[in-house]
């Protein structure tokens, strides 16, 4: 989707703990590399298969979400609302495991002390950014839609929460708290 001359970016940040993992000291939680592997497997195998089956829970859930969004869309904007089949076809193209390299459509990047890739958010339409401490403070994630943070703080520390909120980016139009 284009917005003016800039590509619209969609990004999800995944923030597992590096101290966990199937082989780490805390069993049952994924570390960075395992998260990357499981996400890739999910996108290329399970999600793609579910998008091709109208009986799958994923397909049914997407259709229900679509109907709800369309129902609550302002009538003057309905003409811009894409058809459900168009959205499903686009998702199939994005996550088709037989399409070869997905690099220009989506990117999965691990950013931590062991891996600090030099990438630009403009190189793909969809980003999945996986990391830990490097994403905690000072790293701005362009086009952030959602964040998965399965780690619980030991104590609630306001400055840590504020630092983590920096990945939302700096906004010019914000209210003074």
N, C-alpha and C. Protein backbone atom coordinates (compact mmCIF):
# COMPACT_ATOMS: atom_id res chain seq x y z
N UNK A 1 0.84 -1.17 0.00
CA UNK A 1 0.00 0.00 0.00
C UNK A 1 0.89 1.23 0.00
N UNK A 2 0.57 2.17 -0.79
CA UNK A 2 1.36 3.40 -0.85
C UNK A 2 0.61 4.53 -0.16
N UNK A 3 1.33 5.38 0.52
CA UNK A 3 0.78 6.57 1.16
C UNK A 3 1.61 7.74 0.67
N UNK A 4 1.08 8.48 -0.30
CA UNK A 4 1.88 9.53 -0.91
C UNK A 4 3.04 8.91 -1.65
N UNK A 5 4.25 9.33 -1.33
CA UNK A 5 5.44 8.75 -1.97
C UNK A 5 6.14 7.74 -1.09
N UNK A 6 5.68 7.59 0.14
CA UNK A 6 6.33 6.67 1.07
C UNK A 6 5.56 5.36 1.15
N UNK A 7 6.29 4.26 1.30
CA UNK A 7 5.64 2.98 1.56
C UNK A 7 5.13 2.97 2.99
N UNK A 8 3.95 2.39 3.18
CA UNK A 8 3.45 2.19 4.53
C UNK A 8 4.12 0.95 5.11
N UNK A 9 4.67 1.09 6.29
CA UNK A 9 5.36 -0.02 6.93
C UNK A 9 4.48 -0.62 8.01
N UNK A 10 4.61 -1.91 8.18
CA UNK A 10 3.91 -2.62 9.24
C UNK A 10 4.95 -3.46 9.95
N UNK A 11 5.09 -3.24 11.26
CA UNK A 11 6.13 -3.90 12.02
C UNK A 11 5.56 -4.52 13.30
N UNK A 12 6.04 -5.72 13.61
CA UNK A 12 5.75 -6.36 14.88
C UNK A 12 7.08 -6.57 15.58
N UNK A 13 7.15 -6.20 16.86
CA UNK A 13 8.35 -6.41 17.64
C UNK A 13 8.12 -7.58 18.59
N UNK A 14 9.03 -8.53 18.58
CA UNK A 14 8.97 -9.68 19.47
C UNK A 14 10.14 -9.56 20.43
N UNK A 15 9.87 -9.64 21.71
CA UNK A 15 10.87 -9.33 22.72
C UNK A 15 11.02 -10.47 23.73
N UNK A 16 11.47 -11.66 23.26
CA UNK A 16 11.68 -12.76 24.21
C UNK A 16 12.96 -12.54 25.00
N UNK A 17 13.13 -13.29 26.05
CA UNK A 17 14.35 -13.18 26.85
C UNK A 17 15.44 -14.09 26.29
N UNK A 18 16.64 -13.57 26.17
CA UNK A 18 17.77 -14.37 25.69
C UNK A 18 18.16 -15.45 26.69
N UNK A 19 17.74 -15.29 27.94
CA UNK A 19 18.12 -16.24 28.99
C UNK A 19 17.22 -17.47 29.00
N UNK A 20 16.24 -17.51 28.13
CA UNK A 20 15.33 -18.64 28.10
C UNK A 20 15.61 -19.48 26.87
N UNK A 21 14.72 -20.36 26.56
CA UNK A 21 14.86 -21.19 25.38
C UNK A 21 14.65 -22.64 25.69
N UNK A 22 14.46 -23.42 24.67
CA UNK A 22 14.22 -24.84 24.85
C UNK A 22 15.39 -25.51 25.55
N UNK A 23 16.59 -24.98 25.36
CA UNK A 23 17.78 -25.55 25.99
C UNK A 23 18.32 -24.65 27.09
N UNK A 24 17.63 -23.51 27.35
CA UNK A 24 18.11 -22.57 28.35
C UNK A 24 17.66 -22.92 29.75
N UNK A 25 18.03 -22.09 30.73
CA UNK A 25 17.69 -22.37 32.12
C UNK A 25 16.20 -22.28 32.42
N UNK A 26 15.44 -21.53 31.64
CA UNK A 26 13.99 -21.42 31.83
C UNK A 26 13.32 -22.14 30.68
N UNK A 27 12.83 -23.34 30.94
CA UNK A 27 12.24 -24.17 29.88
C UNK A 27 10.87 -23.64 29.48
N UNK A 28 10.49 -23.91 28.23
CA UNK A 28 9.15 -23.58 27.76
C UNK A 28 9.02 -22.23 27.11
N UNK A 29 10.03 -21.40 27.22
CA UNK A 29 10.00 -20.08 26.58
C UNK A 29 11.06 -20.07 25.49
N UNK A 30 10.81 -19.33 24.45
CA UNK A 30 11.74 -19.29 23.32
C UNK A 30 12.75 -18.16 23.46
N UNK A 31 13.99 -18.42 23.06
CA UNK A 31 14.98 -17.36 23.01
C UNK A 31 14.91 -16.69 21.64
N UNK A 32 15.81 -15.78 21.34
CA UNK A 32 15.75 -15.01 20.08
C UNK A 32 15.81 -15.90 18.85
N UNK A 33 16.80 -16.79 18.80
CA UNK A 33 16.96 -17.63 17.60
C UNK A 33 15.79 -18.60 17.45
N UNK A 34 15.32 -19.17 18.55
CA UNK A 34 14.18 -20.08 18.48
C UNK A 34 12.92 -19.33 18.05
N UNK A 35 12.76 -18.10 18.52
CA UNK A 35 11.61 -17.28 18.11
C UNK A 35 11.66 -17.04 16.61
N UNK A 36 12.85 -16.72 16.08
CA UNK A 36 13.00 -16.50 14.64
C UNK A 36 12.63 -17.76 13.86
N UNK A 37 13.11 -18.91 14.30
CA UNK A 37 12.83 -20.17 13.61
C UNK A 37 11.34 -20.52 13.67
N UNK A 38 10.73 -20.38 14.83
CA UNK A 38 9.31 -20.72 14.99
C UNK A 38 8.42 -19.75 14.22
N UNK A 39 8.76 -18.47 14.22
CA UNK A 39 7.99 -17.49 13.47
C UNK A 39 8.05 -17.77 11.99
N UNK A 40 9.24 -18.05 11.49
CA UNK A 40 9.41 -18.36 10.07
C UNK A 40 8.60 -19.59 9.69
N UNK A 41 8.67 -20.62 10.52
CA UNK A 41 7.92 -21.85 10.27
C UNK A 41 6.41 -21.57 10.28
N UNK A 42 5.97 -20.78 11.26
CA UNK A 42 4.55 -20.43 11.35
C UNK A 42 4.07 -19.68 10.11
N UNK A 43 4.83 -18.66 9.70
CA UNK A 43 4.42 -17.84 8.55
C UNK A 43 4.40 -18.65 7.25
N UNK A 44 5.43 -19.46 7.05
CA UNK A 44 5.59 -20.17 5.78
C UNK A 44 4.84 -21.49 5.70
N UNK A 45 4.49 -22.07 6.82
CA UNK A 45 3.79 -23.36 6.76
C UNK A 45 2.35 -23.22 7.24
N UNK A 46 2.17 -22.87 8.51
CA UNK A 46 0.84 -22.91 9.10
C UNK A 46 -0.06 -21.78 8.61
N UNK A 47 0.43 -20.55 8.64
CA UNK A 47 -0.41 -19.42 8.23
C UNK A 47 -0.81 -19.55 6.77
N UNK A 48 0.14 -19.87 5.92
CA UNK A 48 -0.16 -20.01 4.49
C UNK A 48 -1.21 -21.11 4.26
N UNK A 49 -1.07 -22.23 4.94
CA UNK A 49 -2.05 -23.32 4.80
C UNK A 49 -3.42 -22.88 5.29
N UNK A 50 -3.46 -22.17 6.41
CA UNK A 50 -4.74 -21.70 6.95
C UNK A 50 -5.42 -20.69 6.03
N UNK A 51 -4.63 -19.85 5.36
CA UNK A 51 -5.21 -18.87 4.43
C UNK A 51 -5.85 -19.55 3.23
N UNK A 52 -5.39 -20.75 2.92
CA UNK A 52 -5.92 -21.51 1.78
C UNK A 52 -7.09 -22.42 2.15
N UNK A 53 -7.50 -22.40 3.41
CA UNK A 53 -8.61 -23.24 3.86
C UNK A 53 -9.68 -22.37 4.51
N UNK A 54 -10.83 -22.27 3.85
CA UNK A 54 -11.92 -21.46 4.40
C UNK A 54 -12.50 -22.06 5.67
N UNK A 55 -12.14 -23.29 5.99
CA UNK A 55 -12.62 -23.94 7.21
C UNK A 55 -11.66 -23.77 8.38
N UNK A 56 -10.50 -23.18 8.16
CA UNK A 56 -9.53 -23.03 9.24
C UNK A 56 -9.98 -21.95 10.22
N UNK A 57 -9.55 -22.09 11.47
CA UNK A 57 -9.87 -21.08 12.48
C UNK A 57 -9.28 -19.72 12.11
N UNK A 58 -8.07 -19.73 11.56
CA UNK A 58 -7.41 -18.48 11.17
C UNK A 58 -8.25 -17.74 10.13
N UNK A 59 -8.67 -18.45 9.10
CA UNK A 59 -9.47 -17.84 8.03
C UNK A 59 -10.79 -17.29 8.61
N UNK A 60 -11.44 -18.09 9.43
CA UNK A 60 -12.71 -17.67 10.03
C UNK A 60 -12.53 -16.45 10.92
N UNK A 61 -11.45 -16.45 11.72
CA UNK A 61 -11.17 -15.29 12.59
C UNK A 61 -10.89 -14.04 11.78
N UNK A 62 -10.10 -14.16 10.73
CA UNK A 62 -9.82 -13.01 9.87
C UNK A 62 -11.10 -12.47 9.23
N UNK A 63 -11.96 -13.37 8.81
CA UNK A 63 -13.22 -12.95 8.19
C UNK A 63 -14.11 -12.23 9.21
N UNK A 64 -14.15 -12.72 10.42
CA UNK A 64 -14.94 -12.08 11.48
C UNK A 64 -14.39 -10.69 11.81
N UNK A 65 -13.07 -10.58 11.92
CA UNK A 65 -12.43 -9.28 12.18
C UNK A 65 -12.74 -8.32 11.04
N UNK A 66 -12.64 -8.82 9.81
CA UNK A 66 -12.92 -8.00 8.64
C UNK A 66 -14.36 -7.46 8.69
N UNK A 67 -15.31 -8.34 8.94
CA UNK A 67 -16.72 -7.93 9.00
C UNK A 67 -16.94 -6.87 10.07
N UNK A 68 -16.31 -7.05 11.23
CA UNK A 68 -16.45 -6.10 12.32
C UNK A 68 -15.85 -4.74 11.94
N UNK A 69 -14.66 -4.76 11.34
CA UNK A 69 -14.02 -3.50 10.92
C UNK A 69 -14.85 -2.79 9.85
N UNK A 70 -15.37 -3.55 8.90
CA UNK A 70 -16.19 -2.96 7.83
C UNK A 70 -17.49 -2.38 8.39
N UNK A 71 -18.08 -3.08 9.33
CA UNK A 71 -19.32 -2.63 9.96
C UNK A 71 -19.14 -1.29 10.66
N UNK A 72 -17.97 -1.10 11.27
CA UNK A 72 -17.70 0.13 12.03
C UNK A 72 -16.96 1.19 11.23
N UNK A 73 -16.76 0.93 9.95
CA UNK A 73 -16.08 1.91 9.09
C UNK A 73 -17.06 3.03 8.74
N UNK A 74 -16.58 4.26 8.76
CA UNK A 74 -17.39 5.41 8.37
C UNK A 74 -17.85 5.22 6.93
N UNK A 75 -19.11 5.45 6.67
CA UNK A 75 -19.69 5.20 5.34
C UNK A 75 -18.95 5.95 4.23
N UNK A 76 -18.45 7.14 4.53
CA UNK A 76 -17.75 7.90 3.49
C UNK A 76 -16.41 7.27 3.12
N UNK A 77 -15.90 6.36 3.96
CA UNK A 77 -14.63 5.69 3.68
C UNK A 77 -14.80 4.27 3.15
N UNK A 78 -16.02 3.78 3.09
CA UNK A 78 -16.26 2.40 2.66
C UNK A 78 -15.73 2.11 1.26
N UNK A 79 -15.74 3.10 0.39
CA UNK A 79 -15.26 2.86 -0.98
C UNK A 79 -13.77 2.54 -1.02
N UNK A 80 -13.04 2.92 0.04
CA UNK A 80 -11.61 2.62 0.11
C UNK A 80 -11.34 1.28 0.80
N UNK A 81 -12.36 0.70 1.38
CA UNK A 81 -12.21 -0.55 2.13
C UNK A 81 -12.01 -1.70 1.15
N UNK A 82 -10.88 -2.40 1.23
CA UNK A 82 -10.63 -3.48 0.26
C UNK A 82 -11.55 -4.67 0.50
N UNK A 83 -11.79 -5.42 -0.54
CA UNK A 83 -12.61 -6.63 -0.43
C UNK A 83 -11.82 -7.68 0.36
N UNK A 84 -12.54 -8.53 1.07
CA UNK A 84 -11.92 -9.56 1.89
C UNK A 84 -11.05 -10.49 1.05
N UNK A 85 -11.53 -10.88 -0.12
CA UNK A 85 -10.77 -11.79 -0.99
C UNK A 85 -9.45 -11.16 -1.44
N UNK A 86 -9.45 -9.84 -1.66
CA UNK A 86 -8.23 -9.14 -2.03
C UNK A 86 -7.20 -9.24 -0.90
N UNK A 87 -7.65 -9.05 0.35
CA UNK A 87 -6.76 -9.12 1.51
C UNK A 87 -6.18 -10.52 1.65
N UNK A 88 -7.04 -11.54 1.53
CA UNK A 88 -6.58 -12.93 1.64
C UNK A 88 -5.58 -13.25 0.53
N UNK A 89 -5.87 -12.83 -0.70
CA UNK A 89 -4.94 -13.07 -1.81
C UNK A 89 -3.60 -12.39 -1.57
N UNK A 90 -3.62 -11.19 -1.04
CA UNK A 90 -2.38 -10.46 -0.75
C UNK A 90 -1.58 -11.19 0.33
N UNK A 91 -2.25 -11.65 1.38
CA UNK A 91 -1.57 -12.40 2.44
C UNK A 91 -0.98 -13.70 1.91
N UNK A 92 -1.70 -14.35 1.01
CA UNK A 92 -1.18 -15.59 0.41
C UNK A 92 0.10 -15.31 -0.39
N UNK A 93 0.12 -14.20 -1.11
CA UNK A 93 1.32 -13.84 -1.88
C UNK A 93 2.49 -13.53 -0.96
N UNK A 94 2.20 -12.85 0.15
CA UNK A 94 3.25 -12.48 1.09
C UNK A 94 3.86 -13.71 1.74
N UNK A 95 3.03 -14.66 2.16
CA UNK A 95 3.51 -15.78 2.95
C UNK A 95 3.60 -17.09 2.19
N UNK A 96 3.59 -17.04 0.87
CA UNK A 96 3.70 -18.24 0.06
C UNK A 96 5.11 -18.81 0.19
N UNK A 97 5.25 -20.02 0.75
CA UNK A 97 6.58 -20.59 0.94
C UNK A 97 7.27 -20.97 -0.37
N UNK A 98 6.52 -21.03 -1.47
CA UNK A 98 7.08 -21.40 -2.77
C UNK A 98 7.51 -20.18 -3.59
N UNK A 99 7.37 -19.00 -3.00
CA UNK A 99 7.67 -17.77 -3.74
C UNK A 99 9.16 -17.44 -3.77
N UNK A 100 9.97 -18.23 -3.09
CA UNK A 100 11.40 -17.93 -3.05
C UNK A 100 11.70 -16.89 -1.99
N UNK A 101 12.57 -15.96 -2.30
CA UNK A 101 12.98 -14.93 -1.34
C UNK A 101 11.85 -13.95 -1.09
N UNK A 102 11.56 -13.72 0.20
CA UNK A 102 10.52 -12.78 0.57
C UNK A 102 11.09 -11.40 0.89
N UNK A 103 12.39 -11.22 0.77
CA UNK A 103 13.09 -10.03 1.22
C UNK A 103 12.41 -8.70 0.99
N UNK A 104 11.81 -8.48 -0.18
CA UNK A 104 11.20 -7.17 -0.43
C UNK A 104 9.81 -7.07 0.17
N UNK A 105 9.20 -8.21 0.53
CA UNK A 105 7.85 -8.18 1.11
C UNK A 105 7.92 -8.19 2.62
N UNK A 106 8.62 -9.16 3.20
CA UNK A 106 8.78 -9.14 4.65
C UNK A 106 10.18 -9.56 5.06
N UNK A 107 10.56 -9.08 6.24
CA UNK A 107 11.88 -9.36 6.79
C UNK A 107 11.73 -9.77 8.24
N UNK A 108 12.44 -10.82 8.62
CA UNK A 108 12.55 -11.21 10.03
C UNK A 108 13.99 -10.89 10.44
N UNK A 109 14.15 -10.01 11.42
CA UNK A 109 15.48 -9.59 11.84
C UNK A 109 15.66 -9.81 13.33
N UNK A 110 16.78 -10.42 13.71
CA UNK A 110 17.16 -10.58 15.12
C UNK A 110 18.19 -9.52 15.44
N UNK A 111 17.91 -8.74 16.48
CA UNK A 111 18.83 -7.67 16.87
C UNK A 111 19.17 -7.90 18.34
N UNK A 112 20.41 -8.31 18.59
CA UNK A 112 20.89 -8.50 19.96
C UNK A 112 22.41 -8.34 19.96
N UNK A 113 23.03 -8.66 21.10
CA UNK A 113 24.49 -8.46 21.18
C UNK A 113 25.25 -9.36 20.23
N UNK A 114 24.65 -10.48 19.81
CA UNK A 114 25.31 -11.40 18.89
C UNK A 114 25.01 -11.10 17.42
N UNK A 115 23.99 -10.32 17.19
CA UNK A 115 23.55 -10.08 15.81
C UNK A 115 22.97 -8.68 15.72
N UNK A 116 23.63 -7.81 14.99
CA UNK A 116 23.17 -6.44 14.83
C UNK A 116 23.14 -6.11 13.33
N UNK A 117 22.12 -6.62 12.62
CA UNK A 117 22.09 -6.42 11.18
C UNK A 117 21.90 -4.96 10.80
N UNK A 118 22.51 -4.60 9.70
CA UNK A 118 22.33 -3.25 9.17
C UNK A 118 21.20 -3.31 8.15
N UNK A 119 20.03 -2.94 8.58
CA UNK A 119 18.90 -2.94 7.65
C UNK A 119 18.16 -1.63 7.78
N UNK A 120 17.42 -1.32 6.75
CA UNK A 120 16.60 -0.12 6.74
C UNK A 120 15.16 -0.54 6.60
N UNK A 121 14.30 0.11 7.34
CA UNK A 121 12.89 -0.26 7.32
C UNK A 121 12.26 -0.06 5.95
N UNK A 122 12.86 0.74 5.10
CA UNK A 122 12.28 0.97 3.77
C UNK A 122 12.50 -0.19 2.81
N UNK A 123 13.30 -1.19 3.19
CA UNK A 123 13.61 -2.30 2.29
C UNK A 123 12.51 -3.35 2.20
N UNK A 124 11.55 -3.35 3.12
CA UNK A 124 10.44 -4.31 3.11
C UNK A 124 9.15 -3.60 3.49
N UNK A 125 8.04 -4.28 3.25
CA UNK A 125 6.74 -3.73 3.63
C UNK A 125 6.35 -4.17 5.04
N UNK A 126 6.84 -5.33 5.45
CA UNK A 126 6.44 -5.94 6.71
C UNK A 126 7.68 -6.41 7.44
N UNK A 127 7.83 -6.00 8.69
CA UNK A 127 8.99 -6.37 9.49
C UNK A 127 8.57 -7.11 10.75
N UNK A 128 9.34 -8.12 11.09
CA UNK A 128 9.25 -8.79 12.38
C UNK A 128 10.62 -8.60 13.01
N UNK A 129 10.69 -7.80 14.07
CA UNK A 129 11.95 -7.48 14.73
C UNK A 129 12.00 -8.23 16.05
N UNK A 130 13.02 -9.08 16.21
CA UNK A 130 13.17 -9.91 17.41
C UNK A 130 14.42 -9.45 18.14
N UNK A 131 14.30 -9.23 19.44
CA UNK A 131 15.47 -8.81 20.18
C UNK A 131 15.21 -8.66 21.66
N UNK A 132 16.23 -8.20 22.35
CA UNK A 132 16.15 -8.04 23.80
C UNK A 132 16.57 -6.65 24.22
N UNK A 133 17.68 -6.59 24.93
CA UNK A 133 18.14 -5.33 25.52
C UNK A 133 18.34 -4.23 24.48
N UNK A 134 18.81 -4.59 23.30
CA UNK A 134 19.03 -3.56 22.27
C UNK A 134 17.72 -2.91 21.82
N UNK A 135 16.61 -3.64 21.95
CA UNK A 135 15.31 -3.06 21.61
C UNK A 135 14.68 -2.35 22.81
N UNK A 136 15.21 -2.61 23.99
CA UNK A 136 14.67 -2.02 25.22
C UNK A 136 14.77 -0.51 25.23
N UNK A 137 15.93 -0.01 24.84
CA UNK A 137 16.19 1.42 25.01
C UNK A 137 16.84 2.00 23.76
N UNK A 138 16.23 3.05 23.26
CA UNK A 138 16.84 3.84 22.20
C UNK A 138 16.70 3.33 20.79
N UNK A 139 16.01 2.23 20.57
CA UNK A 139 15.83 1.70 19.22
C UNK A 139 14.40 2.02 18.78
N UNK A 140 14.25 2.82 17.75
CA UNK A 140 12.92 3.20 17.26
C UNK A 140 12.51 2.23 16.16
N UNK A 141 11.34 1.65 16.32
CA UNK A 141 10.81 0.68 15.37
C UNK A 141 9.78 1.39 14.49
N UNK A 142 10.10 1.56 13.22
CA UNK A 142 9.19 2.24 12.29
C UNK A 142 7.94 1.39 12.04
N UNK A 143 6.78 2.05 11.98
CA UNK A 143 5.54 1.40 11.63
C UNK A 143 5.08 0.34 12.61
N UNK A 144 5.40 0.52 13.89
CA UNK A 144 5.08 -0.50 14.89
C UNK A 144 3.57 -0.65 15.07
N UNK A 145 3.08 -1.88 14.84
CA UNK A 145 1.67 -2.19 15.03
C UNK A 145 1.41 -2.86 16.37
N UNK A 146 2.29 -3.80 16.73
CA UNK A 146 2.08 -4.55 17.96
C UNK A 146 3.41 -5.08 18.49
N UNK A 147 3.41 -5.41 19.76
CA UNK A 147 4.61 -5.92 20.41
C UNK A 147 4.24 -7.16 21.23
N UNK A 148 5.09 -8.16 21.16
CA UNK A 148 4.93 -9.36 21.98
C UNK A 148 6.08 -9.37 22.96
N UNK A 149 5.77 -9.22 24.25
CA UNK A 149 6.78 -9.19 25.31
C UNK A 149 6.39 -10.19 26.38
N UNK A 150 6.82 -11.44 26.26
CA UNK A 150 6.41 -12.45 27.24
C UNK A 150 7.23 -12.44 28.53
N UNK A 151 7.90 -11.34 28.80
CA UNK A 151 8.71 -11.26 30.02
C UNK A 151 7.99 -10.36 31.02
N UNK A 152 8.01 -10.76 32.25
CA UNK A 152 7.37 -9.98 33.31
C UNK A 152 8.45 -9.25 34.11
N UNK A 153 8.20 -7.99 34.46
CA UNK A 153 9.20 -7.27 35.26
C UNK A 153 9.26 -7.83 36.67
N UNK A 154 10.46 -7.82 37.24
CA UNK A 154 10.62 -8.27 38.62
C UNK A 154 9.97 -7.25 39.54
N UNK A 155 10.23 -5.98 39.25
CA UNK A 155 9.58 -4.89 39.98
C UNK A 155 9.13 -3.86 38.95
N UNK A 156 8.06 -3.15 39.26
CA UNK A 156 7.56 -2.11 38.36
C UNK A 156 8.44 -0.87 38.53
N UNK A 157 9.18 -0.54 37.51
CA UNK A 157 10.08 0.60 37.56
C UNK A 157 9.66 1.57 36.45
N UNK A 158 9.24 2.76 36.84
CA UNK A 158 8.69 3.72 35.89
C UNK A 158 9.70 4.10 34.80
N UNK A 159 10.96 4.34 35.16
CA UNK A 159 11.92 4.76 34.15
C UNK A 159 12.16 3.68 33.10
N UNK A 160 12.11 2.40 33.51
CA UNK A 160 12.27 1.30 32.54
C UNK A 160 11.09 1.28 31.58
N UNK A 161 9.88 1.47 32.10
CA UNK A 161 8.70 1.48 31.24
C UNK A 161 8.77 2.65 30.25
N UNK A 162 9.22 3.80 30.73
CA UNK A 162 9.34 4.96 29.84
C UNK A 162 10.40 4.72 28.78
N UNK A 163 11.52 4.12 29.15
CA UNK A 163 12.57 3.82 28.17
C UNK A 163 12.07 2.83 27.14
N UNK A 164 11.35 1.80 27.59
CA UNK A 164 10.80 0.83 26.64
C UNK A 164 9.81 1.48 25.70
N UNK A 165 9.07 2.45 26.17
CA UNK A 165 8.09 3.13 25.33
C UNK A 165 8.75 3.93 24.21
N UNK A 166 10.06 4.14 24.28
CA UNK A 166 10.75 4.89 23.23
C UNK A 166 10.72 4.17 21.90
N UNK A 167 10.52 2.83 21.91
CA UNK A 167 10.46 2.13 20.63
C UNK A 167 9.22 2.52 19.84
N UNK A 168 8.30 3.24 20.47
CA UNK A 168 7.13 3.75 19.76
C UNK A 168 7.51 4.93 18.87
N UNK A 169 8.65 5.54 19.13
CA UNK A 169 9.10 6.67 18.33
C UNK A 169 8.70 7.98 18.96
N UNK A 170 9.34 9.03 18.52
CA UNK A 170 9.01 10.34 19.02
C UNK A 170 7.90 10.92 18.17
N UNK A 171 6.92 11.50 18.82
CA UNK A 171 5.76 12.08 18.14
C UNK A 171 5.83 13.61 18.29
N UNK A 172 5.47 14.32 17.24
CA UNK A 172 5.48 15.78 17.34
C UNK A 172 4.23 16.31 18.02
N UNK A 173 3.11 15.62 17.84
CA UNK A 173 1.86 16.08 18.43
C UNK A 173 1.49 15.22 19.64
N UNK A 174 2.10 15.48 20.75
CA UNK A 174 1.75 14.74 21.95
C UNK A 174 1.35 15.72 23.05
N UNK A 175 0.52 15.24 23.96
CA UNK A 175 0.05 16.09 25.06
C UNK A 175 1.06 16.07 26.19
N UNK A 176 1.18 17.21 26.85
CA UNK A 176 2.04 17.30 28.02
C UNK A 176 1.36 16.54 29.16
N UNK A 177 2.08 15.60 29.72
CA UNK A 177 1.53 14.81 30.82
C UNK A 177 1.60 15.60 32.11
